[in-house]
């Protein structure tokens, strides 16, 4: 019986210690997406609470003093969430913009035809639509 208990404790400890080494890595992009989804979800909860509060006040279930305090609290929470969403979105937008700039710099080539705006294909030397030389293409 003692052997089973010791083996169970050893295996549990190994699993607890080893899990961070074998679990799948979370990319910063997916982590940011999860954070944004959580903020959006919380915002919807606060909006629903404000609607319910307004309805309860109109029906006379909540007096004016309590209504005012709760309304201010929920509005402050909603404002805070909106600011957090804006910061998270701007941070993600900045990262996306930096990634796109790095890709463009790495390619060193234009992506669209300057004459007709057609996207260029990989290895194209002339535009597929208007026939313009791709050397004359500007990045847009």
N, C-alpha and C. Protein backbone atom coordinates (compact mmCIF):
# COMPACT_ATOMS: atom_id res chain seq x y z
N UNK A 1 0.83 -1.20 0.00
CA UNK A 1 0.00 0.00 0.00
C UNK A 1 0.87 1.26 0.00
N UNK A 2 1.94 1.22 0.81
CA UNK A 2 2.83 2.38 0.87
C UNK A 2 3.51 2.61 -0.47
N UNK A 3 3.84 1.53 -1.16
CA UNK A 3 4.50 1.63 -2.46
C UNK A 3 3.60 2.34 -3.47
N UNK A 4 2.33 1.99 -3.47
CA UNK A 4 1.37 2.61 -4.38
C UNK A 4 1.24 4.10 -4.08
N UNK A 5 1.20 4.45 -2.82
CA UNK A 5 1.10 5.85 -2.42
C UNK A 5 2.34 6.63 -2.84
N UNK A 6 3.51 6.04 -2.64
CA UNK A 6 4.77 6.71 -3.01
C UNK A 6 4.85 6.88 -4.53
N UNK A 7 4.50 5.85 -5.27
CA UNK A 7 4.53 5.94 -6.74
C UNK A 7 3.55 7.00 -7.23
N UNK A 8 2.38 7.05 -6.64
CA UNK A 8 1.38 8.05 -7.02
C UNK A 8 1.89 9.46 -6.74
N UNK A 9 2.49 9.67 -5.58
CA UNK A 9 3.03 10.99 -5.25
C UNK A 9 4.17 11.40 -6.18
N UNK A 10 5.05 10.45 -6.50
CA UNK A 10 6.18 10.74 -7.39
C UNK A 10 5.67 11.08 -8.79
N UNK A 11 4.74 10.30 -9.30
CA UNK A 11 4.19 10.56 -10.64
C UNK A 11 3.44 11.90 -10.67
N UNK A 12 2.69 12.19 -9.63
CA UNK A 12 1.98 13.47 -9.57
C UNK A 12 2.94 14.65 -9.55
N UNK A 13 4.01 14.51 -8.78
CA UNK A 13 5.01 15.57 -8.71
C UNK A 13 5.70 15.75 -10.05
N UNK A 14 6.06 14.66 -10.70
CA UNK A 14 6.70 14.75 -12.01
C UNK A 14 5.77 15.39 -13.04
N UNK A 15 4.51 15.03 -13.01
CA UNK A 15 3.55 15.62 -13.94
C UNK A 15 3.41 17.13 -13.68
N UNK A 16 3.34 17.52 -12.42
CA UNK A 16 3.20 18.93 -12.07
C UNK A 16 4.42 19.73 -12.50
N UNK A 17 5.60 19.19 -12.27
CA UNK A 17 6.84 19.89 -12.61
C UNK A 17 7.09 19.86 -14.11
N UNK A 18 6.75 18.76 -14.78
CA UNK A 18 7.06 18.61 -16.19
C UNK A 18 6.06 19.24 -17.15
N UNK A 19 4.85 19.53 -16.70
CA UNK A 19 3.83 20.06 -17.59
C UNK A 19 4.25 21.33 -18.32
N UNK A 20 4.87 22.31 -17.68
CA UNK A 20 5.28 23.50 -18.43
C UNK A 20 6.29 23.21 -19.53
N UNK A 21 7.01 22.11 -19.43
CA UNK A 21 8.00 21.76 -20.45
C UNK A 21 7.38 21.12 -21.68
N UNK A 22 6.22 20.50 -21.53
CA UNK A 22 5.62 19.78 -22.65
C UNK A 22 4.35 20.43 -23.18
N UNK A 23 3.83 21.42 -22.51
CA UNK A 23 2.59 22.05 -22.98
C UNK A 23 2.88 22.88 -24.23
N UNK A 24 1.88 23.07 -25.08
CA UNK A 24 2.08 23.88 -26.28
C UNK A 24 2.30 25.34 -25.91
N UNK A 25 3.21 25.97 -26.62
CA UNK A 25 3.51 27.37 -26.37
C UNK A 25 2.36 28.25 -26.86
N UNK A 26 2.09 29.32 -26.14
CA UNK A 26 1.05 30.27 -26.51
C UNK A 26 1.74 31.45 -27.19
N UNK A 27 1.34 31.72 -28.42
CA UNK A 27 1.95 32.83 -29.14
C UNK A 27 1.43 34.14 -28.59
N UNK A 28 2.23 35.21 -28.64
CA UNK A 28 1.76 36.52 -28.17
C UNK A 28 0.54 37.00 -28.93
N UNK A 29 0.45 36.65 -30.21
CA UNK A 29 -0.69 37.08 -31.01
C UNK A 29 -1.98 36.45 -30.51
N UNK A 30 -1.95 35.13 -30.24
CA UNK A 30 -3.16 34.47 -29.76
C UNK A 30 -3.48 34.91 -28.34
N UNK A 31 -2.46 35.23 -27.56
CA UNK A 31 -2.69 35.72 -26.21
C UNK A 31 -3.37 37.09 -26.26
N UNK A 32 -2.92 37.95 -27.16
CA UNK A 32 -3.55 39.27 -27.32
C UNK A 32 -4.98 39.13 -27.81
N UNK A 33 -5.22 38.16 -28.68
CA UNK A 33 -6.58 37.94 -29.19
C UNK A 33 -7.50 37.47 -28.07
N UNK A 34 -6.98 36.58 -27.22
CA UNK A 34 -7.79 36.10 -26.09
C UNK A 34 -8.08 37.24 -25.12
N UNK A 35 -7.09 38.09 -24.89
CA UNK A 35 -7.28 39.23 -24.00
C UNK A 35 -8.36 40.16 -24.55
N UNK A 36 -8.32 40.41 -25.85
CA UNK A 36 -9.31 41.28 -26.47
C UNK A 36 -10.71 40.66 -26.40
N UNK A 37 -10.80 39.37 -26.64
CA UNK A 37 -12.08 38.68 -26.54
C UNK A 37 -12.65 38.74 -25.12
N UNK A 38 -11.78 38.59 -24.13
CA UNK A 38 -12.22 38.66 -22.74
C UNK A 38 -12.74 40.06 -22.41
N UNK A 39 -12.03 41.08 -22.88
CA UNK A 39 -12.47 42.45 -22.64
C UNK A 39 -13.80 42.74 -23.32
N UNK A 40 -13.95 42.27 -24.55
CA UNK A 40 -15.21 42.46 -25.28
C UNK A 40 -16.36 41.76 -24.56
N UNK A 41 -16.10 40.56 -24.07
CA UNK A 41 -17.13 39.81 -23.35
C UNK A 41 -17.53 40.54 -22.07
N UNK A 42 -16.55 41.03 -21.34
CA UNK A 42 -16.84 41.76 -20.10
C UNK A 42 -17.61 43.04 -20.40
N UNK A 43 -17.27 43.70 -21.51
CA UNK A 43 -17.98 44.92 -21.90
C UNK A 43 -19.46 44.62 -22.15
N UNK A 44 -19.74 43.52 -22.83
CA UNK A 44 -21.12 43.14 -23.10
C UNK A 44 -21.89 42.86 -21.80
N UNK A 45 -21.21 42.27 -20.83
CA UNK A 45 -21.84 42.01 -19.53
C UNK A 45 -22.20 43.32 -18.84
N UNK A 46 -21.29 44.28 -18.90
CA UNK A 46 -21.54 45.58 -18.25
C UNK A 46 -22.68 46.30 -18.97
N UNK A 47 -22.70 46.25 -20.31
CA UNK A 47 -23.79 46.88 -21.06
C UNK A 47 -25.13 46.26 -20.69
N UNK A 48 -25.16 44.94 -20.57
CA UNK A 48 -26.41 44.25 -20.19
C UNK A 48 -26.83 44.65 -18.78
N UNK A 49 -25.87 44.79 -17.88
CA UNK A 49 -26.20 45.21 -16.51
C UNK A 49 -26.77 46.62 -16.50
N UNK A 50 -26.22 47.50 -17.33
CA UNK A 50 -26.76 48.87 -17.42
C UNK A 50 -28.20 48.86 -17.94
N UNK A 51 -28.46 48.03 -18.95
CA UNK A 51 -29.82 47.93 -19.48
C UNK A 51 -30.78 47.41 -18.42
N UNK A 52 -30.36 46.36 -17.71
CA UNK A 52 -31.21 45.80 -16.65
C UNK A 52 -31.45 46.82 -15.54
N UNK A 53 -30.42 47.58 -15.20
CA UNK A 53 -30.54 48.59 -14.17
C UNK A 53 -31.55 49.66 -14.59
N UNK A 54 -31.47 50.09 -15.83
CA UNK A 54 -32.40 51.10 -16.35
C UNK A 54 -33.84 50.57 -16.30
N UNK A 55 -34.02 49.33 -16.72
CA UNK A 55 -35.36 48.73 -16.69
C UNK A 55 -35.88 48.62 -15.26
N UNK A 56 -35.04 48.16 -14.34
CA UNK A 56 -35.46 48.04 -12.94
C UNK A 56 -35.82 49.41 -12.35
N UNK A 57 -35.09 50.44 -12.72
CA UNK A 57 -35.40 51.79 -12.22
C UNK A 57 -36.74 52.27 -12.77
N UNK A 58 -36.97 52.04 -14.06
CA UNK A 58 -38.24 52.46 -14.66
C UNK A 58 -39.43 51.73 -14.05
N UNK A 59 -39.21 50.48 -13.66
CA UNK A 59 -40.29 49.69 -13.07
C UNK A 59 -40.47 49.99 -11.58
N UNK A 60 -39.58 50.80 -11.01
CA UNK A 60 -39.70 51.18 -9.62
C UNK A 60 -39.09 50.20 -8.65
N UNK A 61 -38.28 49.28 -9.13
CA UNK A 61 -37.65 48.30 -8.25
C UNK A 61 -36.44 48.88 -7.52
N UNK A 62 -35.85 49.95 -8.08
CA UNK A 62 -34.67 50.57 -7.50
C UNK A 62 -34.96 52.06 -7.32
N UNK A 63 -34.64 52.59 -6.13
CA UNK A 63 -34.88 54.02 -5.91
C UNK A 63 -33.82 54.86 -6.63
N UNK A 64 -34.06 56.16 -6.70
CA UNK A 64 -33.21 57.06 -7.48
C UNK A 64 -31.77 57.11 -6.96
N UNK A 65 -31.60 57.08 -5.64
CA UNK A 65 -30.25 57.17 -5.08
C UNK A 65 -29.42 55.95 -5.47
N UNK A 66 -29.97 54.75 -5.26
CA UNK A 66 -29.27 53.52 -5.63
C UNK A 66 -29.03 53.45 -7.13
N UNK A 67 -30.04 53.88 -7.89
CA UNK A 67 -29.91 53.88 -9.35
C UNK A 67 -28.74 54.75 -9.79
N UNK A 68 -28.64 55.94 -9.23
CA UNK A 68 -27.56 56.86 -9.58
C UNK A 68 -26.19 56.29 -9.26
N UNK A 69 -26.07 55.70 -8.08
CA UNK A 69 -24.78 55.12 -7.68
C UNK A 69 -24.38 53.95 -8.57
N UNK A 70 -25.34 53.06 -8.81
CA UNK A 70 -25.04 51.89 -9.63
C UNK A 70 -24.76 52.28 -11.08
N UNK A 71 -25.54 53.24 -11.60
CA UNK A 71 -25.34 53.69 -12.97
C UNK A 71 -23.94 54.28 -13.14
N UNK A 72 -23.52 55.11 -12.18
CA UNK A 72 -22.17 55.70 -12.25
C UNK A 72 -21.10 54.62 -12.19
N UNK A 73 -21.30 53.63 -11.33
CA UNK A 73 -20.31 52.56 -11.19
C UNK A 73 -20.19 51.75 -12.49
N UNK A 74 -21.34 51.39 -13.09
CA UNK A 74 -21.31 50.62 -14.33
C UNK A 74 -20.76 51.45 -15.49
N UNK A 75 -21.09 52.72 -15.54
CA UNK A 75 -20.56 53.57 -16.61
C UNK A 75 -19.04 53.71 -16.49
N UNK A 76 -18.54 53.86 -15.28
CA UNK A 76 -17.10 53.94 -15.07
C UNK A 76 -16.42 52.63 -15.49
N UNK A 77 -17.04 51.51 -15.15
CA UNK A 77 -16.50 50.21 -15.54
C UNK A 77 -16.50 50.07 -17.06
N UNK A 78 -17.58 50.50 -17.72
CA UNK A 78 -17.66 50.43 -19.18
C UNK A 78 -16.61 51.32 -19.82
N UNK A 79 -16.42 52.51 -19.28
CA UNK A 79 -15.41 53.42 -19.82
C UNK A 79 -14.01 52.83 -19.67
N UNK A 80 -13.74 52.25 -18.53
CA UNK A 80 -12.44 51.61 -18.30
C UNK A 80 -12.21 50.47 -19.29
N UNK A 81 -13.24 49.66 -19.51
CA UNK A 81 -13.12 48.55 -20.45
C UNK A 81 -12.90 49.06 -21.87
N UNK A 82 -13.62 50.11 -22.26
CA UNK A 82 -13.43 50.67 -23.60
C UNK A 82 -12.02 51.20 -23.79
N UNK A 83 -11.46 51.83 -22.77
CA UNK A 83 -10.08 52.31 -22.86
C UNK A 83 -9.11 51.14 -22.97
N UNK A 84 -9.35 50.08 -22.21
CA UNK A 84 -8.47 48.90 -22.30
C UNK A 84 -8.56 48.25 -23.68
N UNK A 85 -9.77 48.20 -24.22
CA UNK A 85 -9.96 47.63 -25.57
C UNK A 85 -9.22 48.48 -26.59
N UNK A 86 -9.32 49.81 -26.47
CA UNK A 86 -8.61 50.69 -27.40
C UNK A 86 -7.10 50.48 -27.32
N UNK A 87 -6.57 50.40 -26.10
CA UNK A 87 -5.12 50.19 -25.94
C UNK A 87 -4.69 48.85 -26.52
N UNK A 88 -5.47 47.82 -26.27
CA UNK A 88 -5.13 46.49 -26.78
C UNK A 88 -5.21 46.47 -28.30
N UNK A 89 -6.23 47.10 -28.86
CA UNK A 89 -6.38 47.15 -30.30
C UNK A 89 -5.26 47.95 -30.94
N UNK A 90 -4.91 49.09 -30.35
CA UNK A 90 -3.83 49.90 -30.89
C UNK A 90 -2.50 49.16 -30.82
N UNK A 91 -2.28 48.45 -29.72
CA UNK A 91 -1.05 47.69 -29.56
C UNK A 91 -0.97 46.61 -30.63
N UNK A 92 -2.07 45.91 -30.84
CA UNK A 92 -2.10 44.87 -31.88
C UNK A 92 -1.95 45.48 -33.26
N UNK A 93 -2.59 46.63 -33.49
CA UNK A 93 -2.48 47.30 -34.78
C UNK A 93 -1.06 47.73 -35.05
N UNK A 94 -0.38 48.23 -34.03
CA UNK A 94 1.01 48.66 -34.17
C UNK A 94 1.89 47.47 -34.51
N UNK A 95 1.66 46.35 -33.85
CA UNK A 95 2.45 45.15 -34.13
C UNK A 95 2.17 44.67 -35.54
N UNK A 96 0.89 44.64 -35.95
CA UNK A 96 0.54 44.21 -37.30
C UNK A 96 1.18 45.12 -38.34
N UNK A 97 1.16 46.42 -38.08
CA UNK A 97 1.76 47.38 -39.01
C UNK A 97 3.27 47.16 -39.10
N UNK A 98 3.91 46.94 -37.97
CA UNK A 98 5.35 46.70 -37.98
C UNK A 98 5.69 45.42 -38.74
N UNK A 99 4.88 44.39 -38.57
CA UNK A 99 5.11 43.13 -39.28
C UNK A 99 4.97 43.34 -40.78
N UNK A 100 3.93 44.05 -41.19
CA UNK A 100 3.72 44.31 -42.62
C UNK A 100 4.87 45.14 -43.19
N UNK A 101 5.34 46.14 -42.46
CA UNK A 101 6.48 46.94 -42.91
C UNK A 101 7.73 46.08 -43.07
N UNK A 102 7.95 45.19 -42.12
CA UNK A 102 9.12 44.31 -42.20
C UNK A 102 9.01 43.39 -43.41
N UNK A 103 7.82 42.89 -43.69
CA UNK A 103 7.63 42.02 -44.85
C UNK A 103 7.89 42.80 -46.13
N UNK A 104 7.33 44.02 -46.21
CA UNK A 104 7.55 44.85 -47.39
C UNK A 104 9.03 45.17 -47.58
N UNK A 105 9.72 45.50 -46.50
CA UNK A 105 11.14 45.81 -46.60
C UNK A 105 11.94 44.58 -47.02
N UNK A 106 11.52 43.42 -46.53
CA UNK A 106 12.22 42.19 -46.88
C UNK A 106 12.05 41.88 -48.36
N UNK A 107 10.86 42.06 -48.85
CA UNK A 107 10.59 41.79 -50.26
C UNK A 107 11.31 42.79 -51.15
N UNK A 108 11.28 44.06 -50.73
CA UNK A 108 11.90 45.10 -51.52
C UNK A 108 11.21 45.31 -52.84
N UNK A 109 10.01 44.81 -52.98
CA UNK A 109 9.29 44.90 -54.24
C UNK A 109 7.90 45.46 -54.00
N UNK A 110 7.35 46.01 -55.05
CA UNK A 110 6.00 46.54 -54.98
C UNK A 110 4.99 45.40 -55.05
N UNK A 111 3.79 45.64 -54.54
CA UNK A 111 2.78 44.61 -54.53
C UNK A 111 1.68 44.82 -55.55
N UNK A 112 1.58 46.05 -56.12
CA UNK A 112 0.51 46.36 -57.04
C UNK A 112 1.05 47.10 -58.26
N UNK A 113 0.34 46.99 -59.36
CA UNK A 113 0.71 47.70 -60.58
C UNK A 113 0.38 49.18 -60.41
N UNK A 114 1.30 50.03 -60.81
CA UNK A 114 1.10 51.47 -60.68
C UNK A 114 0.05 51.97 -61.67
N UNK A 115 -0.13 51.27 -62.78
CA UNK A 115 -1.06 51.73 -63.81
C UNK A 115 -2.49 51.27 -63.56
N UNK A 116 -2.66 50.00 -63.20
CA UNK A 116 -4.03 49.48 -63.08
C UNK A 116 -4.38 49.00 -61.68
N UNK A 117 -3.39 48.85 -60.79
CA UNK A 117 -3.66 48.44 -59.41
C UNK A 117 -3.81 46.95 -59.21
N UNK A 118 -3.51 46.17 -60.20
CA UNK A 118 -3.63 44.71 -60.10
C UNK A 118 -2.55 44.17 -59.15
N UNK A 119 -2.91 43.26 -58.26
CA UNK A 119 -1.88 42.65 -57.40
C UNK A 119 -0.89 41.85 -58.24
N UNK A 120 0.37 41.90 -57.86
CA UNK A 120 1.38 41.17 -58.62
C UNK A 120 1.46 39.75 -58.11
N UNK A 121 1.81 38.86 -58.98
CA UNK A 121 2.02 37.47 -58.61
C UNK A 121 3.49 37.24 -58.31
N UNK A 122 3.77 36.17 -57.64
CA UNK A 122 5.17 35.84 -57.33
C UNK A 122 5.92 35.56 -58.62
N UNK A 123 7.03 36.23 -58.82
CA UNK A 123 7.86 36.02 -59.99
C UNK A 123 7.39 36.74 -61.24
N UNK A 124 6.34 37.55 -61.15
CA UNK A 124 5.86 38.30 -62.31
C UNK A 124 6.84 39.41 -62.67
N UNK A 125 7.08 39.57 -63.98
CA UNK A 125 7.92 40.66 -64.46
C UNK A 125 7.08 41.72 -65.16
N UNK A 126 5.86 41.33 -65.57
CA UNK A 126 4.94 42.25 -66.23
C UNK A 126 3.57 42.09 -65.59
N UNK A 127 2.78 43.14 -65.63
CA UNK A 127 1.41 43.11 -65.09
C UNK A 127 0.57 42.16 -65.92
N UNK A 128 -0.23 41.33 -65.28
CA UNK A 128 -1.09 40.37 -65.97
C UNK A 128 -2.24 41.04 -66.69
N UNK A 129 -2.65 42.24 -66.27
CA UNK A 129 -3.81 42.89 -66.87
C UNK A 129 -3.40 43.89 -67.95
N UNK A 130 -2.53 44.85 -67.58
CA UNK A 130 -2.21 45.92 -68.53
C UNK A 130 -0.86 45.75 -69.22
N UNK A 131 -0.03 44.81 -68.77
CA UNK A 131 1.24 44.54 -69.42
C UNK A 131 2.37 45.47 -69.01
N UNK A 132 2.16 46.35 -68.05
CA UNK A 132 3.22 47.28 -67.63
C UNK A 132 4.36 46.50 -66.96
N UNK A 133 5.59 47.03 -67.13
CA UNK A 133 6.73 46.40 -66.48
C UNK A 133 6.61 46.56 -64.96
N UNK A 134 6.94 45.51 -64.24
CA UNK A 134 6.83 45.59 -62.79
C UNK A 134 7.91 46.47 -62.19
N UNK A 135 8.95 46.79 -62.92
CA UNK A 135 9.96 47.73 -62.42
C UNK A 135 9.33 49.09 -62.19
N UNK A 136 8.23 49.38 -62.88
CA UNK A 136 7.56 50.67 -62.76
C UNK A 136 6.50 50.66 -61.67
N UNK A 137 6.41 49.58 -60.90
CA UNK A 137 5.38 49.46 -59.87
C UNK A 137 5.81 50.19 -58.61
N UNK A 138 4.84 50.86 -57.98
CA UNK A 138 5.10 51.53 -56.71
C UNK A 138 4.35 50.81 -55.62
N UNK A 139 4.90 50.80 -54.40
CA UNK A 139 4.24 50.15 -53.26
C UNK A 139 3.08 51.00 -52.79
N UNK A 140 1.95 50.34 -52.57
CA UNK A 140 0.80 51.06 -52.02
C UNK A 140 0.32 50.42 -50.77
